[in-house]
Amino acid sequence: MYFPAVYCVGAQSWDDTLATEAKDWTTKCEYEHGPLVDGKMKKGRGQNLYTSNAKQLDITKATMLWYNEKDHYEFSTLKCNKEPCGHYTQVPHCAYIQYIA
């Protein structure tokens, strides 16, 4: 997958807490965002969900669907100006991120 340099992935690090939260959440096998605190995603957390009835998951297609929401993102304010846009904010950019695999 190719992204212009402005959308590069910066430094990354493993986070055991995020990994544990993700593992615990996935064992529930519920197709919804979580874990939630008072009905909201925990601060500093984000998730993109994708489903398909294809025989093989196309993660590139899923990522491009999220990435293409960039047209609804206002770079001068770092906020969405139209929905859908929230998935785009979860695609890694040139910022320090923590990830789980």
PDB file of N, CA and C in Angstrom:
ATOM      1  N   MET A   1       0.851  -1.158   0.000  1.00  0.00           N
ATOM      2  CA  MET A   1       0.000   0.000   0.000  1.00  0.00           C
ATOM      3  C   MET A   1       0.904   1.231   0.000  1.00  0.00           C
ATOM      4  N   TYR A   2       0.569   2.219  -0.783  1.00  0.00           N
ATOM      5  CA  TYR A   2       1.375   3.428  -0.895  1.00  0.00           C
ATOM      6  C   TYR A   2       0.608   4.607  -0.331  1.00  0.00           C
ATOM      7  N   PHE A   3       1.273   5.373   0.511  1.00  0.00           N
ATOM      8  CA  PHE A   3       0.728   6.628   1.012  1.00  0.00           C
ATOM      9  C   PHE A   3       1.755   7.705   0.751  1.00  0.00           C
ATOM     10  N   PRO A   4       1.328   8.904   0.378  1.00  0.00           N
ATOM     11  CA  PRO A   4       2.293  10.002   0.203  1.00  0.00           C
ATOM     12  C   PRO A   4       3.104  10.210   1.473  1.00  0.00           C
ATOM     13  N   ALA A   5       4.275  10.777   1.329  1.00  0.00           N
ATOM     14  CA  ALA A   5       5.181  10.957   2.475  1.00  0.00           C
ATOM     15  C   ALA A   5       4.533  11.721   3.617  1.00  0.00           C
ATOM     16  N   VAL A   6       3.633  12.650   3.315  1.00  0.00           N
ATOM     17  CA  VAL A   6       3.005  13.426   4.377  1.00  0.00           C
ATOM     18  C   VAL A   6       2.182  12.536   5.311  1.00  0.00           C
ATOM     19  N   TYR A   7       1.824  11.363   4.870  1.00  0.00           N
ATOM     20  CA  TYR A   7       1.035  10.442   5.691  1.00  0.00           C
ATOM     21  C   TYR A   7       1.895   9.304   6.238  1.00  0.00           C
ATOM     22  N   CYS A   8       3.181   9.534   6.379  1.00  0.00           N
ATOM     23  CA  CYS A   8       4.095   8.488   6.839  1.00  0.00           C
ATOM     24  C   CYS A   8       3.784   8.053   8.272  1.00  0.00           C
ATOM     25  N   VAL A   9       4.280   6.901   8.621  1.00  0.00           N
ATOM     26  CA  VAL A   9       4.117   6.387   9.979  1.00  0.00           C
ATOM     27  C   VAL A   9       5.359   6.763  10.767  1.00  0.00           C
ATOM     28  N   GLY A  10       5.154   7.393  11.887  1.00  0.00           N
ATOM     29  CA  GLY A  10       6.266   7.809  12.725  1.00  0.00           C
ATOM     30  C   GLY A  10       6.718   6.696  13.653  1.00  0.00           C
ATOM     31  N   ALA A  11       7.425   7.074  14.693  1.00  0.00           N
ATOM     32  CA  ALA A  11       7.937   6.117  15.669  1.00  0.00           C
ATOM     33  C   ALA A  11       6.787   5.342  16.303  1.00  0.00           C
ATOM     34  N   GLN A  12       7.018   4.090  16.573  1.00  0.00           N
ATOM     35  CA  GLN A  12       6.005   3.232  17.158  1.00  0.00           C
ATOM     36  C   GLN A  12       6.580   2.502  18.359  1.00  0.00           C
ATOM     37  N   SER A  13       5.705   2.097  19.248  1.00  0.00           N
ATOM     38  CA  SER A  13       6.146   1.300  20.383  1.00  0.00           C
ATOM     39  C   SER A  13       5.038   0.334  20.766  1.00  0.00           C
ATOM     40  N   TRP A  14       5.412  -0.757  21.372  1.00  0.00           N
ATOM     41  CA  TRP A  14       4.466  -1.750  21.864  1.00  0.00           C
ATOM     42  C   TRP A  14       3.933  -1.288  23.207  1.00  0.00           C
ATOM     43  N   ASP A  15       2.657  -1.538  23.466  1.00  0.00           N
ATOM     44  CA  ASP A  15       2.054  -1.160  24.730  1.00  0.00           C
ATOM     45  C   ASP A  15       1.330  -2.376  25.298  1.00  0.00           C
ATOM     46  N   ASP A  16       1.876  -2.936  26.388  1.00  0.00           N
ATOM     47  CA  ASP A  16       1.290  -4.139  26.990  1.00  0.00           C
ATOM     48  C   ASP A  16      -0.133  -3.906  27.483  1.00  0.00           C
ATOM     49  N   THR A  17      -0.417  -2.710  27.997  1.00  0.00           N
ATOM     50  CA  THR A  17      -1.771  -2.415  28.482  1.00  0.00           C
ATOM     51  C   THR A  17      -2.766  -2.435  27.331  1.00  0.00           C
ATOM     52  N   LEU A  18      -2.420  -1.786  26.212  1.00  0.00           N
ATOM     53  CA  LEU A  18      -3.300  -1.806  25.043  1.00  0.00           C
ATOM     54  C   LEU A  18      -3.485  -3.222  24.519  1.00  0.00           C
ATOM     55  N   ALA A  19      -2.414  -3.984  24.498  1.00  0.00           N
ATOM     56  CA  ALA A  19      -2.500  -5.362  24.016  1.00  0.00           C
ATOM     57  C   ALA A  19      -3.434  -6.188  24.888  1.00  0.00           C
ATOM     58  N   THR A  20      -3.341  -6.033  26.182  1.00  0.00           N
ATOM     59  CA  THR A  20      -4.206  -6.769  27.103  1.00  0.00           C
ATOM     60  C   THR A  20      -5.657  -6.349  26.932  1.00  0.00           C
ATOM     61  N   GLU A  21      -5.913  -5.039  26.829  1.00  0.00           N
ATOM     62  CA  GLU A  21      -7.272  -4.557  26.623  1.00  0.00           C
ATOM     63  C   GLU A  21      -7.863  -5.118  25.328  1.00  0.00           C
ATOM     64  N   ALA A  22      -7.077  -5.102  24.262  1.00  0.00           N
ATOM     65  CA  ALA A  22      -7.558  -5.601  22.971  1.00  0.00           C
ATOM     66  C   ALA A  22      -7.856  -7.091  23.044  1.00  0.00           C
ATOM     67  N   LYS A  23      -6.970  -7.842  23.664  1.00  0.00           N
ATOM     68  CA  LYS A  23      -7.185  -9.291  23.790  1.00  0.00           C
ATOM     69  C   LYS A  23      -8.436  -9.572  24.604  1.00  0.00           C
ATOM     70  N   ASP A  24      -8.585  -8.889  25.725  1.00  0.00           N
ATOM     71  CA  ASP A  24      -9.762  -9.089  26.568  1.00  0.00           C
ATOM     72  C   ASP A  24     -11.041  -8.741  25.817  1.00  0.00           C
ATOM     73  N   TRP A  25     -11.007  -7.663  25.039  1.00  0.00           N
ATOM     74  CA  TRP A  25     -12.200  -7.240  24.305  1.00  0.00           C
ATOM     75  C   TRP A  25     -12.537  -8.232  23.198  1.00  0.00           C
ATOM     76  N   THR A  26     -11.541  -8.695  22.459  1.00  0.00           N
ATOM     77  CA  THR A  26     -11.815  -9.590  21.330  1.00  0.00           C
ATOM     78  C   THR A  26     -12.359 -10.937  21.787  1.00  0.00           C
ATOM     79  N   THR A  27     -12.033 -11.366  22.983  1.00  0.00           N
ATOM     80  CA  THR A  27     -12.556 -12.655  23.456  1.00  0.00           C
ATOM     81  C   THR A  27     -14.064 -12.593  23.673  1.00  0.00           C
ATOM     82  N   LYS A  28     -14.628 -11.381  23.758  1.00  0.00           N
ATOM     83  CA  LYS A  28     -16.083 -11.229  23.892  1.00  0.00           C
ATOM     84  C   LYS A  28     -16.794 -11.459  22.564  1.00  0.00           C
ATOM     85  N   CYS A  29     -16.046 -11.327  21.460  1.00  0.00           N
ATOM     86  CA  CYS A  29     -16.564 -11.568  20.114  1.00  0.00           C
ATOM     87  C   CYS A  29     -17.819 -10.748  19.831  1.00  0.00           C
ATOM     88  N   GLU A  30     -17.753  -9.455  20.132  1.00  0.00           N
ATOM     89  CA  GLU A  30     -18.854  -8.534  19.871  1.00  0.00           C
ATOM     90  C   GLU A  30     -18.404  -7.520  18.826  1.00  0.00           C
ATOM     91  N   TYR A  31     -19.209  -7.331  17.795  1.00  0.00           N
ATOM     92  CA  TYR A  31     -18.850  -6.395  16.739  1.00  0.00           C
ATOM     93  C   TYR A  31     -19.303  -4.991  17.131  1.00  0.00           C
ATOM     94  N   GLU A  32     -18.567  -4.400  18.030  1.00  0.00           N
ATOM     95  CA  GLU A  32     -18.807  -3.034  18.460  1.00  0.00           C
ATOM     96  C   GLU A  32     -17.536  -2.511  19.105  1.00  0.00           C
ATOM     97  N   HIS A  33     -17.459  -1.185  19.214  1.00  0.00           N
ATOM     98  CA  HIS A  33     -16.270  -0.575  19.813  1.00  0.00           C
ATOM     99  C   HIS A  33     -16.232  -0.832  21.310  1.00  0.00           C
ATOM    100  N   GLY A  34     -15.040  -0.929  21.826  1.00  0.00           N
ATOM    101  CA  GLY A  34     -14.882  -1.123  23.252  1.00  0.00           C
ATOM    102  C   GLY A  34     -13.420  -1.280  23.587  1.00  0.00           C
ATOM    103  N   PRO A  35     -13.037  -1.419  24.808  1.00  0.00           N
ATOM    104  CA  PRO A  35     -13.902  -1.289  25.982  1.00  0.00           C
ATOM    105  C   PRO A  35     -14.256   0.185  26.232  1.00  0.00           C
ATOM    106  N   LEU A  36     -15.429   0.378  26.777  1.00  0.00           N
ATOM    107  CA  LEU A  36     -15.933   1.725  27.007  1.00  0.00           C
ATOM    108  C   LEU A  36     -15.939   2.068  28.490  1.00  0.00           C
ATOM    109  N   VAL A  37     -15.808   3.350  28.774  1.00  0.00           N
ATOM    110  CA  VAL A  37     -15.921   3.867  30.136  1.00  0.00           C
ATOM    111  C   VAL A  37     -17.001   4.940  30.083  1.00  0.00           C
ATOM    112  N   ASP A  38     -18.052   4.754  30.829  1.00  0.00           N
ATOM    113  CA  ASP A  38     -19.189   5.684  30.806  1.00  0.00           C
ATOM    114  C   ASP A  38     -19.708   5.913  29.394  1.00  0.00           C
ATOM    115  N   GLY A  39     -19.746   4.835  28.606  1.00  0.00           N
ATOM    116  CA  GLY A  39     -20.287   4.908  27.254  1.00  0.00           C
ATOM    117  C   GLY A  39     -19.353   5.504  26.213  1.00  0.00           C
ATOM    118  N   LYS A  40     -18.123   5.828  26.605  1.00  0.00           N
ATOM    119  CA  LYS A  40     -17.171   6.425  25.671  1.00  0.00           C
ATOM    120  C   LYS A  40     -15.887   5.607  25.635  1.00  0.00           C
ATOM    121  N   MET A  41     -15.185   5.722  24.505  1.00  0.00           N
ATOM    122  CA  MET A  41     -13.891   5.072  24.372  1.00  0.00           C
ATOM    123  C   MET A  41     -12.928   5.688  25.381  1.00  0.00           C
ATOM    124  N   LYS A  42     -12.067   4.862  25.963  1.00  0.00           N
ATOM    125  CA  LYS A  42     -11.079   5.383  26.899  1.00  0.00           C
ATOM    126  C   LYS A  42     -10.199   6.418  26.205  1.00  0.00           C
ATOM    127  N   LYS A  43      -9.770   7.421  26.940  1.00  0.00           N
ATOM    128  CA  LYS A  43      -8.931   8.483  26.384  1.00  0.00           C
ATOM    129  C   LYS A  43      -7.670   7.882  25.763  1.00  0.00           C
ATOM    130  N   GLY A  44      -7.342   8.375  24.592  1.00  0.00           N
ATOM    131  CA  GLY A  44      -6.145   7.918  23.906  1.00  0.00           C
ATOM    132  C   GLY A  44      -6.321   6.606  23.165  1.00  0.00           C
ATOM    133  N   ARG A  45      -7.562   6.109  23.088  1.00  0.00           N
ATOM    134  CA  ARG A  45      -7.828   4.844  22.410  1.00  0.00           C
ATOM    135  C   ARG A  45      -8.681   5.106  21.174  1.00  0.00           C
ATOM    136  N   GLY A  46      -8.572   4.247  20.206  1.00  0.00           N
ATOM    137  CA  GLY A  46      -9.403   4.327  19.020  1.00  0.00           C
ATOM    138  C   GLY A  46      -9.407   2.992  18.311  1.00  0.00           C
ATOM    139  N   GLN A  47     -10.473   2.734  17.587  1.00  0.00           N
ATOM    140  CA  GLN A  47     -10.592   1.463  16.871  1.00  0.00           C
ATOM    141  C   GLN A  47     -11.326   1.694  15.564  1.00  0.00           C
ATOM    142  N   ASN A  48     -10.967   0.927  14.586  1.00  0.00           N
ATOM    143  CA  ASN A  48     -11.711   0.859  13.340  1.00  0.00           C
ATOM    144  C   ASN A  48     -12.194  -0.576  13.180  1.00  0.00           C
ATOM    145  N   LEU A  49     -13.466  -0.723  12.899  1.00  0.00           N
ATOM    146  CA  LEU A  49     -14.053  -2.039  12.668  1.00  0.00           C
ATOM    147  C   LEU A  49     -14.320  -2.207  11.183  1.00  0.00           C
ATOM    148  N   TYR A  50     -14.153  -3.414  10.694  1.00  0.00           N
ATOM    149  CA  TYR A  50     -14.396  -3.715   9.281  1.00  0.00           C
ATOM    150  C   TYR A  50     -14.926  -5.127   9.179  1.00  0.00           C
ATOM    151  N   THR A  51     -15.925  -5.295   8.361  1.00  0.00           N
ATOM    152  CA  THR A  51     -16.453  -6.631   8.129  1.00  0.00           C
ATOM    153  C   THR A  51     -16.655  -6.827   6.637  1.00  0.00           C
ATOM    154  N   SER A  52     -16.608  -8.054   6.219  1.00  0.00           N
ATOM    155  CA  SER A  52     -16.756  -8.364   4.803  1.00  0.00           C
ATOM    156  C   SER A  52     -17.284  -9.787   4.678  1.00  0.00           C
ATOM    157  N   ASN A  53     -18.010 -10.041   3.618  1.00  0.00           N
ATOM    158  CA  ASN A  53     -18.450 -11.412   3.369  1.00  0.00           C
ATOM    159  C   ASN A  53     -17.564 -12.099   2.331  1.00  0.00           C
ATOM    160  N   ALA A  54     -16.441 -11.462   2.000  1.00  0.00           N
ATOM    161  CA  ALA A  54     -15.488 -12.042   1.063  1.00  0.00           C
ATOM    162  C   ALA A  54     -14.838 -13.276   1.686  1.00  0.00           C
ATOM    163  N   LYS A  55     -14.389 -14.182   0.851  1.00  0.00           N
ATOM    164  CA  LYS A  55     -13.742 -15.402   1.342  1.00  0.00           C
ATOM    165  C   LYS A  55     -12.419 -15.105   2.016  1.00  0.00           C
ATOM    166  N   GLN A  56     -11.785 -14.022   1.597  1.00  0.00           N
ATOM    167  CA  GLN A  56     -10.508 -13.638   2.210  1.00  0.00           C
ATOM    168  C   GLN A  56     -10.547 -12.156   2.541  1.00  0.00           C
ATOM    169  N   LEU A  57     -10.145 -11.801   3.744  1.00  0.00           N
ATOM    170  CA  LEU A  57     -10.133 -10.417   4.186  1.00  0.00           C
ATOM    171  C   LEU A  57      -9.114  -9.616   3.391  1.00  0.00           C
ATOM    172  N   ASP A  58      -9.532  -8.470   2.888  1.00  0.00           N
ATOM    173  CA  ASP A  58      -8.653  -7.575   2.150  1.00  0.00           C
ATOM    174  C   ASP A  58      -8.367  -6.362   3.032  1.00  0.00           C
ATOM    175  N   ILE A  59      -7.321  -6.457   3.846  1.00  0.00           N
ATOM    176  CA  ILE A  59      -7.009  -5.403   4.801  1.00  0.00           C
ATOM    177  C   ILE A  59      -6.604  -4.110   4.091  1.00  0.00           C
ATOM    178  N   THR A  60      -6.030  -4.219   2.894  1.00  0.00           N
ATOM    179  CA  THR A  60      -5.685  -3.020   2.136  1.00  0.00           C
ATOM    180  C   THR A  60      -6.953  -2.264   1.761  1.00  0.00           C
ATOM    181  N   LYS A  61      -7.971  -2.967   1.310  1.00  0.00           N
ATOM    182  CA  LYS A  61      -9.238  -2.337   0.958  1.00  0.00           C
ATOM    183  C   LYS A  61      -9.847  -1.644   2.180  1.00  0.00           C
ATOM    184  N   ALA A  62      -9.828  -2.326   3.303  1.00  0.00           N
ATOM    185  CA  ALA A  62     -10.376  -1.739   4.532  1.00  0.00           C
ATOM    186  C   ALA A  62      -9.622  -0.473   4.906  1.00  0.00           C
ATOM    187  N   THR A  63      -8.317  -0.526   4.890  1.00  0.00           N
ATOM    188  CA  THR A  63      -7.502   0.628   5.260  1.00  0.00           C
ATOM    189  C   THR A  63      -7.730   1.789   4.301  1.00  0.00           C
ATOM    190  N   MET A  64      -7.860   1.495   3.010  1.00  0.00           N
ATOM    191  CA  MET A  64      -8.099   2.560   2.041  1.00  0.00           C
ATOM    192  C   MET A  64      -9.474   3.193   2.233  1.00  0.00           C
ATOM    193  N   LEU A  65     -10.478   2.415   2.623  1.00  0.00           N
ATOM    194  CA  LEU A  65     -11.792   2.990   2.916  1.00  0.00           C
ATOM    195  C   LEU A  65     -11.675   4.010   4.047  1.00  0.00           C
ATOM    196  N   TRP A  66     -10.935   3.658   5.085  1.00  0.00           N
ATOM    197  CA  TRP A  66     -10.737   4.580   6.211  1.00  0.00           C
ATOM    198  C   TRP A  66      -9.893   5.782   5.779  1.00  0.00           C
ATOM    199  N   TYR A  67      -8.822   5.502   5.062  1.00  0.00           N
ATOM    200  CA  TYR A  67      -7.903   6.557   4.624  1.00  0.00           C
ATOM    201  C   TYR A  67      -8.610   7.584   3.742  1.00  0.00           C
ATOM    202  N   ASN A  68      -9.488   7.126   2.884  1.00  0.00           N
ATOM    203  CA  ASN A  68     -10.164   8.029   1.952  1.00  0.00           C
ATOM    204  C   ASN A  68     -11.129   8.993   2.631  1.00  0.00           C
ATOM    205  N   GLU A  69     -11.361   8.822   3.911  1.00  0.00           N
ATOM    206  CA  GLU A  69     -12.161   9.790   4.667  1.00  0.00           C
ATOM    207  C   GLU A  69     -11.383  11.084   4.911  1.00  0.00           C
ATOM    208  N   LYS A  70     -10.133  11.131   4.472  1.00  0.00           N
ATOM    209  CA  LYS A  70      -9.286  12.316   4.680  1.00  0.00           C
ATOM    210  C   LYS A  70      -9.911  13.563   4.081  1.00  0.00           C
ATOM    211  N   ASP A  71     -10.746  13.402   3.063  1.00  0.00           N
ATOM    212  CA  ASP A  71     -11.397  14.564   2.442  1.00  0.00           C
ATOM    213  C   ASP A  71     -12.356  15.254   3.402  1.00  0.00           C
ATOM    214  N   HIS A  72     -12.722  14.567   4.476  1.00  0.00           N
ATOM    215  CA  HIS A  72     -13.640  15.129   5.475  1.00  0.00           C
ATOM    216  C   HIS A  72     -12.885  15.613   6.718  1.00  0.00           C
ATOM    217  N   TYR A  73     -11.567  15.652   6.616  1.00  0.00           N
ATOM    218  CA  TYR A  73     -10.733  16.049   7.758  1.00  0.00           C
ATOM    219  C   TYR A  73     -10.144  17.425   7.500  1.00  0.00           C
ATOM    220  N   GLU A  74     -10.247  18.275   8.480  1.00  0.00           N
ATOM    221  CA  GLU A  74      -9.717  19.639   8.367  1.00  0.00           C
ATOM    222  C   GLU A  74      -8.332  19.683   9.023  1.00  0.00           C
ATOM    223  N   PHE A  75      -7.290  19.715   8.213  1.00  0.00           N
ATOM    224  CA  PHE A  75      -5.925  19.672   8.733  1.00  0.00           C
ATOM    225  C   PHE A  75      -5.560  20.909   9.537  1.00  0.00           C
ATOM    226  N   SER A  76      -6.173  22.042   9.241  1.00  0.00           N
ATOM    227  CA  SER A  76      -5.836  23.267   9.968  1.00  0.00           C
ATOM    228  C   SER A  76      -6.348  23.238  11.409  1.00  0.00           C
ATOM    229  N   THR A  77      -7.429  22.492  11.660  1.00  0.00           N
ATOM    230  CA  THR A  77      -7.982  22.398  13.017  1.00  0.00           C
ATOM    231  C   THR A  77      -7.773  21.022  13.638  1.00  0.00           C
ATOM    232  N   LEU A  78      -7.301  20.070  12.827  1.00  0.00           N
ATOM    233  CA  LEU A  78      -7.112  18.680  13.262  1.00  0.00           C
ATOM    234  C   LEU A  78      -8.430  18.069  13.746  1.00  0.00           C
ATOM    235  N   LYS A  79      -9.514  18.393  13.034  1.00  0.00           N
ATOM    236  CA  LYS A  79     -10.837  17.865  13.383  1.00  0.00           C
ATOM    237  C   LYS A  79     -11.600  17.489  12.125  1.00  0.00           C
ATOM    238  N   CYS A  80     -12.579  16.627  12.311  1.00  0.00           N
ATOM    239  CA  CYS A  80     -13.461  16.250  11.210  1.00  0.00           C
ATOM    240  C   CYS A  80     -14.404  17.406  10.914  1.00  0.00           C
ATOM    241  N   ASN A  81     -14.603  17.700   9.624  1.00  0.00           N
ATOM    242  CA  ASN A  81     -15.554  18.737   9.245  1.00  0.00           C
ATOM    243  C   ASN A  81     -16.810  18.141   8.618  1.00  0.00           C
ATOM    244  N   LYS A  82     -16.829  16.827   8.449  1.00  0.00           N
ATOM    245  CA  LYS A  82     -17.954  16.115   7.866  1.00  0.00           C
ATOM    246  C   LYS A  82     -17.769  14.634   8.185  1.00  0.00           C
ATOM    247  N   GLU A  83     -18.851  13.921   8.329  1.00  0.00           N
ATOM    248  CA  GLU A  83     -18.760  12.477   8.553  1.00  0.00           C
ATOM    249  C   GLU A  83     -19.042  11.744   7.249  1.00  0.00           C
ATOM    250  N   PRO A  84     -18.490  10.541   7.041  1.00  0.00           N
ATOM    251  CA  PRO A  84     -17.585   9.868   7.971  1.00  0.00           C
ATOM    252  C   PRO A  84     -16.177  10.437   7.905  1.00  0.00           C
ATOM    253  N   CYS A  85     -15.520  10.412   9.041  1.00  0.00           N
ATOM    254  CA  CYS A  85     -14.158  10.932   9.122  1.00  0.00           C
ATOM    255  C   CYS A  85     -13.376  10.263  10.248  1.00  0.00           C
ATOM    256  N   GLY A  86     -14.067   9.834  11.283  1.00  0.00           N
ATOM    257  CA  GLY A  86     -13.397   9.301  12.466  1.00  0.00           C
ATOM    258  C   GLY A  86     -12.464   8.138  12.197  1.00  0.00           C
ATOM    259  N   HIS A  87     -12.773   7.310  11.193  1.00  0.00           N
ATOM    260  CA  HIS A  87     -11.884   6.190  10.883  1.00  0.00           C
ATOM    261  C   HIS A  87     -10.535   6.704  10.395  1.00  0.00           C
ATOM    262  N   TYR A  88     -10.574   7.803   9.604  1.00  0.00           N
ATOM    263  CA  TYR A  88      -9.332   8.377   9.087  1.00  0.00           C
ATOM    264  C   TYR A  88      -8.404   8.771  10.224  1.00  0.00           C
ATOM    265  N   THR A  89      -8.961   9.284  11.300  1.00  0.00           N
ATOM    266  CA  THR A  89      -8.124   9.739  12.410  1.00  0.00           C
ATOM    267  C   THR A  89      -7.400   8.582  13.091  1.00  0.00           C
ATOM    268  N   GLN A  90      -7.815   7.350  12.825  1.00  0.00           N
ATOM    269  CA  GLN A  90      -7.177   6.181  13.424  1.00  0.00           C
ATOM    270  C   GLN A  90      -6.116   5.549  12.526  1.00  0.00           C
ATOM    271  N   VAL A  91      -6.034   6.010  11.271  1.00  0.00           N
ATOM    272  CA  VAL A  91      -4.999   5.506  10.366  1.00  0.00           C
ATOM    273  C   VAL A  91      -3.687   6.166  10.753  1.00  0.00           C
ATOM    274  N   PRO A  92      -2.606   5.383  10.939  1.00  0.00           N
ATOM    275  CA  PRO A  92      -1.335   5.969  11.384  1.00  0.00           C
ATOM    276  C   PRO A  92      -0.828   7.062  10.443  1.00  0.00           C
ATOM    277  N   HIS A  93      -0.386   8.158  11.036  1.00  0.00           N
ATOM    278  CA  HIS A  93       0.180   9.279  10.306  1.00  0.00           C
ATOM    279  C   HIS A  93       1.568   9.576  10.857  1.00  0.00           C
ATOM    280  N   CYS A  94       2.071  10.739  10.572  1.00  0.00           N
ATOM    281  CA  CYS A  94       3.399  11.140  11.041  1.00  0.00           C
ATOM    282  C   CYS A  94       3.340  11.629  12.476  1.00  0.00           C
ATOM    283  N   ALA A  95       2.998  10.777  13.374  1.00  0.00           N
ATOM    284  CA  ALA A  95       2.922  11.118  14.788  1.00  0.00           C
ATOM    285  C   ALA A  95       3.380   9.899  15.575  1.00  0.00           C
ATOM    286  N   TYR A  96       3.714  10.118  16.810  1.00  0.00           N
ATOM    287  CA  TYR A  96       4.102   9.005  17.673  1.00  0.00           C
ATOM    288  C   TYR A  96       2.854   8.187  17.996  1.00  0.00           C
ATOM    289  N   ILE A  97       2.888   6.900  17.727  1.00  0.00           N
ATOM    290  CA  ILE A  97       1.726   6.060  18.019  1.00  0.00           C
ATOM    291  C   ILE A  97       2.165   4.826  18.775  1.00  0.00           C
ATOM    292  N   GLN A  98       1.234   4.241  19.467  1.00  0.00           N
ATOM    293  CA  GLN A  98       1.432   2.947  20.095  1.00  0.00           C
ATOM    294  C   GLN A  98       0.508   1.982  19.360  1.00  0.00           C
ATOM    295  N   TYR A  99       0.936   0.747  19.229  1.00  0.00           N
ATOM    296  CA  TYR A  99       0.133  -0.176  18.457  1.00  0.00           C
ATOM    297  C   TYR A  99       0.145  -1.558  19.084  1.00  0.00           C
ATOM    298  N   ILE A 100      -0.822  -2.325  18.641  1.00  0.00           N
ATOM    299  CA  ILE A 100      -0.865  -3.740  18.982  1.00  0.00           C
ATOM    300  C   ILE A 100      -0.982  -4.496  17.679  1.00  0.00           C
ATOM    301  N   ALA A 101      -0.489  -5.694  17.644  1.00  0.00           N
ATOM    302  CA  ALA A 101      -0.561  -6.486  16.409  1.00  0.00           C
ATOM    303  C   ALA A 101      -1.184  -7.828  16.710  1.00  0.00           C
TER     304      ALA A 101
END
